[in-house]
Amino acid sequence: MASTREIRRRIKSVKNTAQITKAMQMVAASKMRKAQELALAGRPYSDILSSTLRDIGETISLSKHPLCEIREPRSDSRITVLVITTDKGLCGGLNTNLLRKVSELNPATTDFVTAGRKGRQMLATLRRSLIADFEFGDVFDFRKARQIGRFLTERFLSAQTDQILVAYNSFINTITQKPEIIRLLPLSGLMSDILTEKPIAHNLTSPEQNQHAQLHSLEYLFEPSHQEVLNILLPHAVNYKIWQYLLEAKASEHSARMIAMKNATDNAKQLVKDLTLDYNKARQASITNEILEISAAAAAMN
């Protein structure tokens, strides 16, 4: 059994660690609230944009638009994957679970674009084809999404890649974050997989559903022309998808870090209790030995 001095030293060290993880938990909780609000606030607009694009897709054919072109698979077909991870660690298995799913993609035909330091480090370690890296901190705006979207769109339109995917952590709730890989380009003809897979009408009450059904049946008039409108609307849809993915990933990051730091703090407190029990046992054994030594010495003198 370790000496009482060593146990006291370990107890002090664990208590200091618990104070650090507690502070990190509070910081993550503060950032988590704002990140969750931003991620949730962006979903209604994404639903409306998704519904509008579906309606347009039923009015006119979008298959001829360059961003909707589905190319036939070839032997030299390339796939580009945007991997959105965190810049810092201490967030449990958030990055590990996502990168494990990304690693299942065929490295011979896949190029990677990263947003986040952890993804860049992991892909560099695995010697994957990393063609670009974008940085975004806790505070970023829509310009960052446009920057990433412009790079990916130009790569797709120039036929350097035939398909673009996005790997990110989808925010479900504070406890649950789901790693997902979703197609970004080409956009499907009916926009069935853009932004959300659930139409906005699914979240509406009966009167609102009737109103949405009436709007859904309207015929769209394009001014100046549908081609010019789509040339603006579809790139914006791509950029907004990326923006929403970044918000979801950031909300997932702070939620996972808060939970990880809470678990670390709880484990540290439990460890302090166990060490305190060991300390009391060691101290009791020491006192018992001292009493036996005194009793033996007194008996020897008599």
C-alpha atoms as a PDB file:
ATOM      1  CA  MET A   1       0.000   0.000   0.000  1.00  0.00           C
ATOM      2  CA  ALA A   2       1.255   3.512  -0.841  1.00  0.00           C
ATOM      3  CA  SER A   3       2.367   5.751   1.988  1.00  0.00           C
ATOM      4  CA  THR A   4       0.062   8.422   3.370  1.00  0.00           C
ATOM      5  CA  ARG A   5       2.309  11.128   1.922  1.00  0.00           C
ATOM      6  CA  GLU A   6       1.999   9.710  -1.587  1.00  0.00           C
ATOM      7  CA  ILE A   7      -1.772   9.373  -1.248  1.00  0.00           C
ATOM      8  CA  ARG A   8      -2.080  12.982  -0.022  1.00  0.00           C
ATOM      9  CA  ARG A   9      -0.051  14.108  -3.014  1.00  0.00           C
ATOM     10  CA  ARG A  10      -2.324  12.203  -5.401  1.00  0.00           C
ATOM     11  CA  ILE A  11      -5.464  13.605  -3.747  1.00  0.00           C
ATOM     12  CA  LYS A  12      -4.159  17.159  -4.168  1.00  0.00           C
ATOM     13  CA  SER A  13      -3.272  16.503  -7.806  1.00  0.00           C
ATOM     14  CA  VAL A  14      -6.693  15.030  -8.613  1.00  0.00           C
ATOM     15  CA  LYS A  15      -8.471  17.919  -6.896  1.00  0.00           C
ATOM     16  CA  ASN A  16      -6.504  20.395  -9.009  1.00  0.00           C
ATOM     17  CA  THR A  17      -7.454  18.455 -12.135  1.00  0.00           C
ATOM     18  CA  ALA A  18     -11.116  18.481 -11.084  1.00  0.00           C
ATOM     19  CA  GLN A  19     -11.003  22.279 -10.724  1.00  0.00           C
ATOM     20  CA  ILE A  20      -9.612  22.606 -14.256  1.00  0.00           C
ATOM     21  CA  THR A  21     -12.178  20.268 -15.818  1.00  0.00           C
ATOM     22  CA  LYS A  22     -14.976  22.017 -13.898  1.00  0.00           C
ATOM     23  CA  ALA A  23     -13.880  25.381 -15.287  1.00  0.00           C
ATOM     24  CA  MET A  24     -13.685  23.938 -18.812  1.00  0.00           C
ATOM     25  CA  GLN A  25     -17.155  22.463 -18.341  1.00  0.00           C
ATOM     26  CA  MET A  26     -18.584  25.870 -17.438  1.00  0.00           C
ATOM     27  CA  VAL A  27     -16.884  27.552 -20.408  1.00  0.00           C
ATOM     28  CA  ALA A  28     -18.140  24.864 -22.793  1.00  0.00           C
ATOM     29  CA  ALA A  29     -21.667  25.150 -21.353  1.00  0.00           C
ATOM     30  CA  SER A  30     -21.652  28.899 -21.978  1.00  0.00           C
ATOM     31  CA  LYS A  31     -20.490  28.480 -25.584  1.00  0.00           C
ATOM     32  CA  MET A  32     -22.823  25.532 -26.084  1.00  0.00           C
ATOM     33  CA  ARG A  33     -25.971  27.569 -25.459  1.00  0.00           C
ATOM     34  CA  LYS A  34     -25.102  30.132 -28.104  1.00  0.00           C
ATOM     35  CA  ALA A  35     -23.970  27.501 -30.617  1.00  0.00           C
ATOM     36  CA  GLN A  36     -27.161  25.488 -30.134  1.00  0.00           C
ATOM     37  CA  GLU A  37     -29.306  28.591 -30.590  1.00  0.00           C
ATOM     38  CA  LEU A  38     -27.548  29.428 -33.862  1.00  0.00           C
ATOM     39  CA  ALA A  39     -27.845  25.871 -35.180  1.00  0.00           C
ATOM     40  CA  LEU A  40     -31.533  25.621 -34.301  1.00  0.00           C
ATOM     41  CA  ALA A  41     -32.277  29.113 -35.601  1.00  0.00           C
ATOM     42  CA  GLY A  42     -30.904  28.197 -39.031  1.00  0.00           C
ATOM     43  CA  ARG A  43     -33.130  25.166 -39.513  1.00  0.00           C
ATOM     44  CA  PRO A  44     -36.434  26.972 -40.319  1.00  0.00           C
ATOM     45  CA  TYR A  45     -34.788  28.895 -43.160  1.00  0.00           C
ATOM     46  CA  SER A  46     -33.215  25.708 -44.463  1.00  0.00           C
ATOM     47  CA  ASP A  47     -36.663  24.051 -44.418  1.00  0.00           C
ATOM     48  CA  ILE A  48     -38.194  26.916 -46.399  1.00  0.00           C
ATOM     49  CA  LEU A  49     -35.325  26.936 -48.867  1.00  0.00           C
ATOM     50  CA  SER A  50     -35.622  23.170 -49.269  1.00  0.00           C
ATOM     51  CA  SER A  51     -39.364  23.398 -49.887  1.00  0.00           C
ATOM     52  CA  THR A  52     -38.938  26.232 -52.392  1.00  0.00           C
ATOM     53  CA  LEU A  53     -36.340  24.306 -54.366  1.00  0.00           C
ATOM     54  CA  ARG A  54     -38.572  21.245 -54.430  1.00  0.00           C
ATOM     55  CA  ASP A  55     -41.429  23.328 -55.776  1.00  0.00           C
ATOM     56  CA  ILE A  56     -39.201  24.869 -58.435  1.00  0.00           C
ATOM     57  CA  GLY A  57     -37.982  21.417 -59.361  1.00  0.00           C
ATOM     58  CA  GLU A  58     -41.576  20.375 -60.032  1.00  0.00           C
ATOM     59  CA  THR A  59     -42.200  23.499 -62.130  1.00  0.00           C
ATOM     60  CA  ILE A  60     -39.145  23.351 -64.377  1.00  0.00           C
ATOM     61  CA  SER A  61     -36.446  20.778 -65.055  1.00  0.00           C
ATOM     62  CA  LEU A  62     -33.275  21.421 -63.085  1.00  0.00           C
ATOM     63  CA  SER A  63     -31.325  18.451 -64.414  1.00  0.00           C
ATOM     64  CA  LYS A  64     -29.660  20.570 -67.095  1.00  0.00           C
ATOM     65  CA  HIS A  65     -28.233  23.060 -64.615  1.00  0.00           C
ATOM     66  CA  PRO A  66     -24.467  22.486 -64.103  1.00  0.00           C
ATOM     67  CA  LEU A  67     -24.868  22.130 -60.322  1.00  0.00           C
ATOM     68  CA  CYS A  68     -27.512  19.425 -60.799  1.00  0.00           C
ATOM     69  CA  GLU A  69     -25.652  17.390 -63.391  1.00  0.00           C
ATOM     70  CA  ILE A  70     -25.383  13.757 -62.350  1.00  0.00           C
ATOM     71  CA  ARG A  71     -22.342  12.341 -64.123  1.00  0.00           C
ATOM     72  CA  GLU A  72     -21.938   8.754 -65.158  1.00  0.00           C
ATOM     73  CA  PRO A  73     -19.397   6.845 -63.041  1.00  0.00           C
ATOM     74  CA  ARG A  74     -16.053   6.287 -64.766  1.00  0.00           C
ATOM     75  CA  SER A  75     -12.878   4.453 -63.904  1.00  0.00           C
ATOM     76  CA  ASP A  76     -11.193   7.788 -63.145  1.00  0.00           C
ATOM     77  CA  SER A  77     -14.125   9.355 -61.268  1.00  0.00           C
ATOM     78  CA  ARG A  78     -13.087  11.419 -58.253  1.00  0.00           C
ATOM     79  CA  ILE A  79     -14.966  12.261 -55.064  1.00  0.00           C
ATOM     80  CA  THR A  80     -14.209  15.295 -52.895  1.00  0.00           C
ATOM     81  CA  VAL A  81     -15.154  15.183 -49.210  1.00  0.00           C
ATOM     82  CA  LEU A  82     -15.421  18.226 -46.963  1.00  0.00           C
ATOM     83  CA  VAL A  83     -14.546  17.017 -43.448  1.00  0.00           C
ATOM     84  CA  ILE A  84     -15.728  19.340 -40.662  1.00  0.00           C
ATOM     85  CA  THR A  85     -14.039  18.658 -37.321  1.00  0.00           C
ATOM     86  CA  THR A  86     -12.959  20.654 -34.281  1.00  0.00           C
ATOM     87  CA  ASP A  87      -9.842  22.722 -33.740  1.00  0.00           C
ATOM     88  CA  LYS A  88      -9.377  21.500 -30.161  1.00  0.00           C
ATOM     89  CA  GLY A  89      -9.694  18.174 -28.413  1.00  0.00           C
ATOM     90  CA  LEU A  90     -11.224  17.192 -25.068  1.00  0.00           C
ATOM     91  CA  CYS A  91     -14.626  16.531 -26.647  1.00  0.00           C
ATOM     92  CA  GLY A  92     -14.906  12.784 -26.187  1.00  0.00           C
ATOM     93  CA  GLY A  93     -15.161  10.583 -29.259  1.00  0.00           C
ATOM     94  CA  LEU A  94     -16.708  13.291 -31.450  1.00  0.00           C
ATOM     95  CA  ASN A  95     -13.848  13.554 -33.933  1.00  0.00           C
ATOM     96  CA  THR A  96     -12.843   9.900 -33.660  1.00  0.00           C
ATOM     97  CA  ASN A  97     -16.309   8.613 -34.596  1.00  0.00           C
ATOM     98  CA  LEU A  98     -16.523  10.964 -37.578  1.00  0.00           C
ATOM     99  CA  LEU A  99     -13.023  10.189 -38.878  1.00  0.00           C
ATOM    100  CA  ARG A 100     -13.636   6.456 -38.460  1.00  0.00           C
ATOM    101  CA  LYS A 101     -16.584   6.825 -40.823  1.00  0.00           C
ATOM    102  CA  VAL A 102     -14.540   8.972 -43.225  1.00  0.00           C
ATOM    103  CA  SER A 103     -11.727   6.403 -43.277  1.00  0.00           C
ATOM    104  CA  GLU A 104     -14.120   3.880 -44.850  1.00  0.00           C
ATOM    105  CA  LEU A 105     -14.083   5.873 -48.109  1.00  0.00           C
ATOM    106  CA  ASN A 106     -11.803   4.637 -50.878  1.00  0.00           C
ATOM    107  CA  PRO A 107      -8.559   6.654 -50.569  1.00  0.00           C
ATOM    108  CA  ALA A 108      -7.595   5.941 -54.188  1.00  0.00           C
ATOM    109  CA  THR A 109     -10.538   7.934 -55.594  1.00  0.00           C
ATOM    110  CA  THR A 110     -11.189  10.442 -52.800  1.00  0.00           C
ATOM    111  CA  ASP A 111      -9.785  13.924 -52.227  1.00  0.00           C
ATOM    112  CA  PHE A 112     -10.304  15.686 -48.927  1.00  0.00           C
ATOM    113  CA  VAL A 113     -10.985  19.278 -47.907  1.00  0.00           C
ATOM    114  CA  THR A 114     -10.855  19.961 -44.171  1.00  0.00           C
ATOM    115  CA  ALA A 115     -12.401  22.561 -41.913  1.00  0.00           C
ATOM    116  CA  GLY A 116     -10.895  22.092 -38.472  1.00  0.00           C
ATOM    117  CA  ARG A 117      -7.413  21.260 -37.193  1.00  0.00           C
ATOM    118  CA  LYS A 118      -8.206  17.757 -35.913  1.00  0.00           C
ATOM    119  CA  GLY A 119      -9.388  16.542 -39.293  1.00  0.00           C
ATOM    120  CA  ARG A 120      -6.334  17.962 -41.015  1.00  0.00           C
ATOM    121  CA  GLN A 121      -3.971  16.292 -38.558  1.00  0.00           C
ATOM    122  CA  MET A 122      -5.683  12.919 -38.799  1.00  0.00           C
ATOM    123  CA  LEU A 123      -5.866  12.884 -42.609  1.00  0.00           C
ATOM    124  CA  ALA A 124      -2.230  13.966 -42.827  1.00  0.00           C
ATOM    125  CA  THR A 125      -1.295  11.105 -40.498  1.00  0.00           C
ATOM    126  CA  LEU A 126      -3.222   8.665 -42.688  1.00  0.00           C
ATOM    127  CA  ARG A 127      -1.495  10.140 -45.786  1.00  0.00           C
ATOM    128  CA  ARG A 128      -4.769  10.896 -47.547  1.00  0.00           C
ATOM    129  CA  SER A 129      -5.061  13.296 -50.489  1.00  0.00           C
ATOM    130  CA  LEU A 130      -5.612  16.651 -48.729  1.00  0.00           C
ATOM    131  CA  ILE A 131      -6.155  19.417 -51.296  1.00  0.00           C
ATOM    132  CA  ALA A 132      -7.322  22.333 -49.127  1.00  0.00           C
ATOM    133  CA  ASP A 133      -7.796  23.367 -45.521  1.00  0.00           C
ATOM    134  CA  PHE A 134     -10.066  26.065 -44.072  1.00  0.00           C
ATOM    135  CA  GLU A 135      -9.943  27.373 -40.530  1.00  0.00           C
ATOM    136  CA  PHE A 136     -12.911  28.610 -38.531  1.00  0.00           C
ATOM    137  CA  GLY A 137     -12.935  29.392 -34.828  1.00  0.00           C
ATOM    138  CA  ASP A 138     -15.759  29.753 -32.350  1.00  0.00           C
ATOM    139  CA  VAL A 139     -16.809  33.023 -34.020  1.00  0.00           C
ATOM    140  CA  PHE A 140     -17.382  32.919 -37.783  1.00  0.00           C
ATOM    141  CA  ASP A 141     -19.920  34.302 -40.244  1.00  0.00           C
ATOM    142  CA  PHE A 142     -21.550  33.374 -43.536  1.00  0.00           C
ATOM    143  CA  ARG A 143     -18.506  34.603 -45.469  1.00  0.00           C
ATOM    144  CA  LYS A 144     -16.617  31.520 -44.315  1.00  0.00           C
ATOM    145  CA  ALA A 145     -19.341  29.272 -45.778  1.00  0.00           C
ATOM    146  CA  ARG A 146     -19.241  31.228 -49.055  1.00  0.00           C
ATOM    147  CA  GLN A 147     -15.471  30.840 -49.178  1.00  0.00           C
ATOM    148  CA  ILE A 148     -15.687  27.068 -48.780  1.00  0.00           C
ATOM    149  CA  GLY A 149     -18.698  26.831 -51.104  1.00  0.00           C
ATOM    150  CA  ARG A 150     -16.950  28.806 -53.835  1.00  0.00           C
ATOM    151  CA  PHE A 151     -13.943  26.499 -53.735  1.00  0.00           C
ATOM    152  CA  LEU A 152     -16.037  23.320 -53.866  1.00  0.00           C
ATOM    153  CA  THR A 153     -18.404  24.648 -56.542  1.00  0.00           C
ATOM    154  CA  GLU A 154     -15.554  25.695 -58.821  1.00  0.00           C
ATOM    155  CA  ARG A 155     -13.961  22.296 -58.372  1.00  0.00           C
ATOM    156  CA  PHE A 156     -17.198  20.561 -59.349  1.00  0.00           C
ATOM    157  CA  LEU A 157     -17.964  22.820 -62.319  1.00  0.00           C
ATOM    158  CA  SER A 158     -14.424  22.418 -63.675  1.00  0.00           C
ATOM    159  CA  ALA A 159     -14.907  18.612 -63.654  1.00  0.00           C
ATOM    160  CA  GLN A 160     -12.031  18.079 -61.215  1.00  0.00           C
ATOM    161  CA  THR A 161     -14.461  16.016 -59.172  1.00  0.00           C
ATOM    162  CA  ASP A 162     -17.708  14.239 -60.015  1.00  0.00           C
ATOM    163  CA  GLN A 163     -19.290  14.320 -56.570  1.00  0.00           C
ATOM    164  CA  ILE A 164     -18.837  16.345 -53.399  1.00  0.00           C
ATOM    165  CA  LEU A 165     -19.732  14.984 -49.967  1.00  0.00           C
ATOM    166  CA  VAL A 166     -19.760  16.607 -46.536  1.00  0.00           C
ATOM    167  CA  ALA A 167     -18.754  14.720 -43.382  1.00  0.00           C
ATOM    168  CA  TYR A 168     -19.848  16.434 -40.180  1.00  0.00           C
ATOM    169  CA  ASN A 169     -21.403  15.816 -36.776  1.00  0.00           C
ATOM    170  CA  SER A 170     -25.139  16.443 -36.830  1.00  0.00           C
ATOM    171  CA  PHE A 171     -26.472  18.021 -33.622  1.00  0.00           C
ATOM    172  CA  ILE A 172     -29.334  15.958 -32.193  1.00  0.00           C
ATOM    173  CA  ASN A 173     -29.317  17.163 -28.598  1.00  0.00           C
ATOM    174  CA  THR A 174     -26.828  17.965 -25.857  1.00  0.00           C
ATOM    175  CA  ILE A 175     -26.034  14.295 -25.271  1.00  0.00           C
ATOM    176  CA  THR A 176     -26.311  12.918 -28.818  1.00  0.00           C
ATOM    177  CA  GLN A 177     -24.303  13.965 -31.885  1.00  0.00           C
ATOM    178  CA  LYS A 178     -24.475  11.809 -35.001  1.00  0.00           C
ATOM    179  CA  PRO A 179     -21.608  11.583 -37.528  1.00  0.00           C
ATOM    180  CA  GLU A 180     -22.997  11.837 -41.044  1.00  0.00           C
ATOM    181  CA  ILE A 181     -21.750  11.924 -44.639  1.00  0.00           C
ATOM    182  CA  ILE A 182     -24.170  13.770 -46.938  1.00  0.00           C
ATOM    183  CA  ARG A 183     -24.012  14.573 -50.620  1.00  0.00           C
ATOM    184  CA  LEU A 184     -23.561  18.252 -51.417  1.00  0.00           C
ATOM    185  CA  LEU A 185     -23.103  18.197 -55.209  1.00  0.00           C
ATOM    186  CA  PRO A 186     -24.646  17.413 -57.586  1.00  0.00           C
ATOM    187  CA  LEU A 187     -27.996  18.660 -56.352  1.00  0.00           C
ATOM    188  CA  SER A 188     -30.801  16.243 -57.162  1.00  0.00           C
ATOM    189  CA  GLY A 189     -33.488  17.268 -59.632  1.00  0.00           C
ATOM    190  CA  LEU A 190     -36.271  17.483 -57.033  1.00  0.00           C
ATOM    191  CA  MET A 191     -33.920  18.622 -54.244  1.00  0.00           C
ATOM    192  CA  SER A 192     -35.014  15.665 -52.160  1.00  0.00           C
ATOM    193  CA  ASP A 193     -31.820  15.647 -50.150  1.00  0.00           C
ATOM    194  CA  ILE A 194     -31.073  19.353 -49.832  1.00  0.00           C
ATOM    195  CA  LEU A 195     -30.635  20.837 -46.363  1.00  0.00           C
ATOM    196  CA  THR A 196     -33.205  18.580 -44.713  1.00  0.00           C
ATOM    197  CA  GLU A 197     -34.850  15.335 -45.701  1.00  0.00           C
ATOM    198  CA  LYS A 198     -38.102  16.305 -43.974  1.00  0.00           C
ATOM    199  CA  PRO A 199     -40.374  18.801 -45.702  1.00  0.00           C
ATOM    200  CA  ILE A 200     -41.362  21.834 -43.698  1.00  0.00           C
ATOM    201  CA  ALA A 201     -45.040  20.769 -43.741  1.00  0.00           C
ATOM    202  CA  HIS A 202     -44.199  17.888 -41.397  1.00  0.00           C
ATOM    203  CA  ASN A 203     -43.582  20.413 -38.608  1.00  0.00           C
ATOM    204  CA  LEU A 204     -46.788  22.398 -39.165  1.00  0.00           C
ATOM    205  CA  THR A 205     -50.233  22.219 -37.636  1.00  0.00           C
ATOM    206  CA  SER A 206     -53.303  21.365 -39.734  1.00  0.00           C
ATOM    207  CA  PRO A 207     -54.212  24.967 -40.753  1.00  0.00           C
ATOM    208  CA  GLU A 208     -50.579  25.679 -41.527  1.00  0.00           C
ATOM    209  CA  GLN A 209     -50.348  22.470 -43.556  1.00  0.00           C
ATOM    210  CA  ASN A 210     -53.325  23.558 -45.662  1.00  0.00           C
ATOM    211  CA  GLN A 211     -51.712  26.932 -46.277  1.00  0.00           C
ATOM    212  CA  HIS A 212     -48.412  25.232 -47.154  1.00  0.00           C
ATOM    213  CA  ALA A 213     -50.244  22.901 -49.574  1.00  0.00           C
ATOM    214  CA  GLN A 214     -51.758  25.917 -51.331  1.00  0.00           C
ATOM    215  CA  LEU A 215     -48.355  27.556 -51.636  1.00  0.00           C
ATOM    216  CA  HIS A 216     -46.902  24.270 -52.836  1.00  0.00           C
ATOM    217  CA  SER A 217     -49.365  24.176 -55.744  1.00  0.00           C
ATOM    218  CA  LEU A 218     -48.557  27.692 -56.974  1.00  0.00           C
ATOM    219  CA  GLU A 219     -46.884  28.167 -60.327  1.00  0.00           C
ATOM    220  CA  TYR A 220     -43.655  30.149 -60.152  1.00  0.00           C
ATOM    221  CA  LEU A 221     -42.995  33.088 -62.470  1.00  0.00           C
ATOM    222  CA  PHE A 222     -39.324  33.906 -62.985  1.00  0.00           C
ATOM    223  CA  GLU A 223     -38.024  37.407 -63.605  1.00  0.00           C
ATOM    224  CA  PRO A 224     -35.857  38.058 -65.568  1.00  0.00           C
ATOM    225  CA  SER A 225     -35.545  34.330 -66.423  1.00  0.00           C
ATOM    226  CA  HIS A 226     -35.492  31.039 -64.597  1.00  0.00           C
ATOM    227  CA  GLN A 227     -31.865  30.443 -65.660  1.00  0.00           C
ATOM    228  CA  GLU A 228     -30.644  33.685 -64.114  1.00  0.00           C
ATOM    229  CA  VAL A 229     -32.651  33.049 -60.959  1.00  0.00           C
ATOM    230  CA  LEU A 230     -31.230  29.540 -60.611  1.00  0.00           C
ATOM    231  CA  ASN A 231     -27.696  30.816 -61.230  1.00  0.00           C
ATOM    232  CA  ILE A 232     -28.098  32.822 -58.010  1.00  0.00           C
ATOM    233  CA  LEU A 233     -30.393  30.558 -55.986  1.00  0.00           C
ATOM    234  CA  LEU A 234     -28.570  27.240 -56.389  1.00  0.00           C
ATOM    235  CA  PRO A 235     -25.089  28.508 -55.392  1.00  0.00           C
ATOM    236  CA  HIS A 236     -26.731  30.225 -52.422  1.00  0.00           C
ATOM    237  CA  ALA A 237     -28.367  26.913 -51.482  1.00  0.00           C
ATOM    238  CA  VAL A 238     -24.967  25.193 -51.578  1.00  0.00           C
ATOM    239  CA  ASN A 239     -23.409  27.921 -49.439  1.00  0.00           C
ATOM    240  CA  TYR A 240     -26.246  27.801 -46.952  1.00  0.00           C
ATOM    241  CA  LYS A 241     -25.984  24.029 -46.659  1.00  0.00           C
ATOM    242  CA  ILE A 242     -22.313  24.425 -45.753  1.00  0.00           C
ATOM    243  CA  TRP A 243     -23.193  27.212 -43.305  1.00  0.00           C
ATOM    244  CA  GLN A 244     -25.757  24.979 -41.600  1.00  0.00           C
ATOM    245  CA  TYR A 245     -23.277  22.088 -41.441  1.00  0.00           C
ATOM    246  CA  LEU A 246     -20.713  24.372 -39.783  1.00  0.00           C
ATOM    247  CA  LEU A 247     -23.285  25.499 -37.206  1.00  0.00           C
ATOM    248  CA  GLU A 248     -24.336  21.908 -36.508  1.00  0.00           C
ATOM    249  CA  ALA A 249     -20.698  20.853 -36.095  1.00  0.00           C
ATOM    250  CA  LYS A 250     -19.952  23.739 -33.727  1.00  0.00           C
ATOM    251  CA  ALA A 251     -23.022  22.997 -31.589  1.00  0.00           C
ATOM    252  CA  SER A 252     -21.986  19.336 -31.480  1.00  0.00           C
ATOM    253  CA  GLU A 253     -18.446  20.282 -30.465  1.00  0.00           C
ATOM    254  CA  HIS A 254     -19.396  22.406 -27.468  1.00  0.00           C
ATOM    255  CA  SER A 255     -22.073  19.939 -26.362  1.00  0.00           C
ATOM    256  CA  ALA A 256     -19.665  17.009 -26.527  1.00  0.00           C
ATOM    257  CA  ARG A 257     -16.955  18.951 -24.712  1.00  0.00           C
ATOM    258  CA  MET A 258     -19.332  19.988 -21.941  1.00  0.00           C
ATOM    259  CA  ILE A 259     -20.429  16.387 -21.413  1.00  0.00           C
ATOM    260  CA  ALA A 260     -16.820  15.116 -21.557  1.00  0.00           C
ATOM    261  CA  MET A 261     -15.634  17.665 -18.999  1.00  0.00           C
ATOM    262  CA  LYS A 262     -18.607  16.904 -16.743  1.00  0.00           C
ATOM    263  CA  ASN A 263     -17.751  13.202 -16.850  1.00  0.00           C
ATOM    264  CA  ALA A 264     -14.097  14.002 -16.149  1.00  0.00           C
ATOM    265  CA  THR A 265     -15.064  16.149 -13.181  1.00  0.00           C
ATOM    266  CA  ASP A 266     -17.366  13.453 -11.788  1.00  0.00           C
ATOM    267  CA  ASN A 267     -14.662  10.802 -12.227  1.00  0.00           C
ATOM    268  CA  ALA A 268     -12.116  13.019 -10.484  1.00  0.00           C
ATOM    269  CA  LYS A 269     -14.440  13.528  -7.526  1.00  0.00           C
ATOM    270  CA  GLN A 270     -15.040   9.778  -7.291  1.00  0.00           C
ATOM    271  CA  LEU A 271     -11.300   9.171  -7.450  1.00  0.00           C
ATOM    272  CA  VAL A 272     -10.772  11.636  -4.611  1.00  0.00           C
ATOM    273  CA  LYS A 273     -13.282   9.677  -2.518  1.00  0.00           C
ATOM    274  CA  ASP A 274     -11.500   6.395  -3.262  1.00  0.00           C
ATOM    275  CA  LEU A 275      -8.088   7.887  -2.466  1.00  0.00           C
ATOM    276  CA  THR A 276      -9.432   9.398   0.756  1.00  0.00           C
ATOM    277  CA  LEU A 277     -10.665   5.949   1.776  1.00  0.00           C
ATOM    278  CA  ASP A 278      -7.235   4.476   0.985  1.00  0.00           C
ATOM    279  CA  TYR A 279      -5.614   7.300   2.944  1.00  0.00           C
ATOM    280  CA  ASN A 280      -7.775   6.586   5.999  1.00  0.00           C
ATOM    281  CA  LYS A 281      -6.978   2.874   5.773  1.00  0.00           C
ATOM    282  CA  ALA A 282      -3.250   3.555   5.487  1.00  0.00           C
ATOM    283  CA  ARG A 283      -3.383   6.025   8.405  1.00  0.00           C
ATOM    284  CA  GLN A 284      -5.346   3.556  10.525  1.00  0.00           C
ATOM    285  CA  ALA A 285      -2.853   0.798   9.750  1.00  0.00           C
ATOM    286  CA  SER A 286       0.018   3.135  10.671  1.00  0.00           C
ATOM    287  CA  ILE A 287      -1.613   4.033  13.977  1.00  0.00           C
ATOM    288  CA  THR A 288      -2.302   0.367  14.714  1.00  0.00           C
ATOM    289  CA  ASN A 289       1.339  -0.515  14.064  1.00  0.00           C
ATOM    290  CA  GLU A 290       2.512   2.273  16.365  1.00  0.00           C
ATOM    291  CA  ILE A 291       0.214   1.052  19.147  1.00  0.00           C
ATOM    292  CA  LEU A 292       1.500  -2.517  18.717  1.00  0.00           C
ATOM    293  CA  GLU A 293       5.103  -1.295  18.851  1.00  0.00           C
ATOM    294  CA  ILE A 294       4.435   0.705  22.044  1.00  0.00           C
ATOM    295  CA  SER A 295       2.653  -2.259  23.640  1.00  0.00           C
ATOM    296  CA  ALA A 296       5.495  -4.609  22.685  1.00  0.00           C
ATOM    297  CA  ALA A 297       8.097  -2.227  24.085  1.00  0.00           C
ATOM    298  CA  ALA A 298       6.166  -1.817  27.352  1.00  0.00           C
ATOM    299  CA  ALA A 299       5.824  -5.587  27.688  1.00  0.00           C
ATOM    300  CA  ALA A 300       9.557  -6.046  27.080  1.00  0.00           C
ATOM    301  CA  MET A 301      10.477  -3.527  29.805  1.00  0.00           C
ATOM    302  CA  ASN A 302       8.265  -5.313  32.315  1.00  0.00           C
END
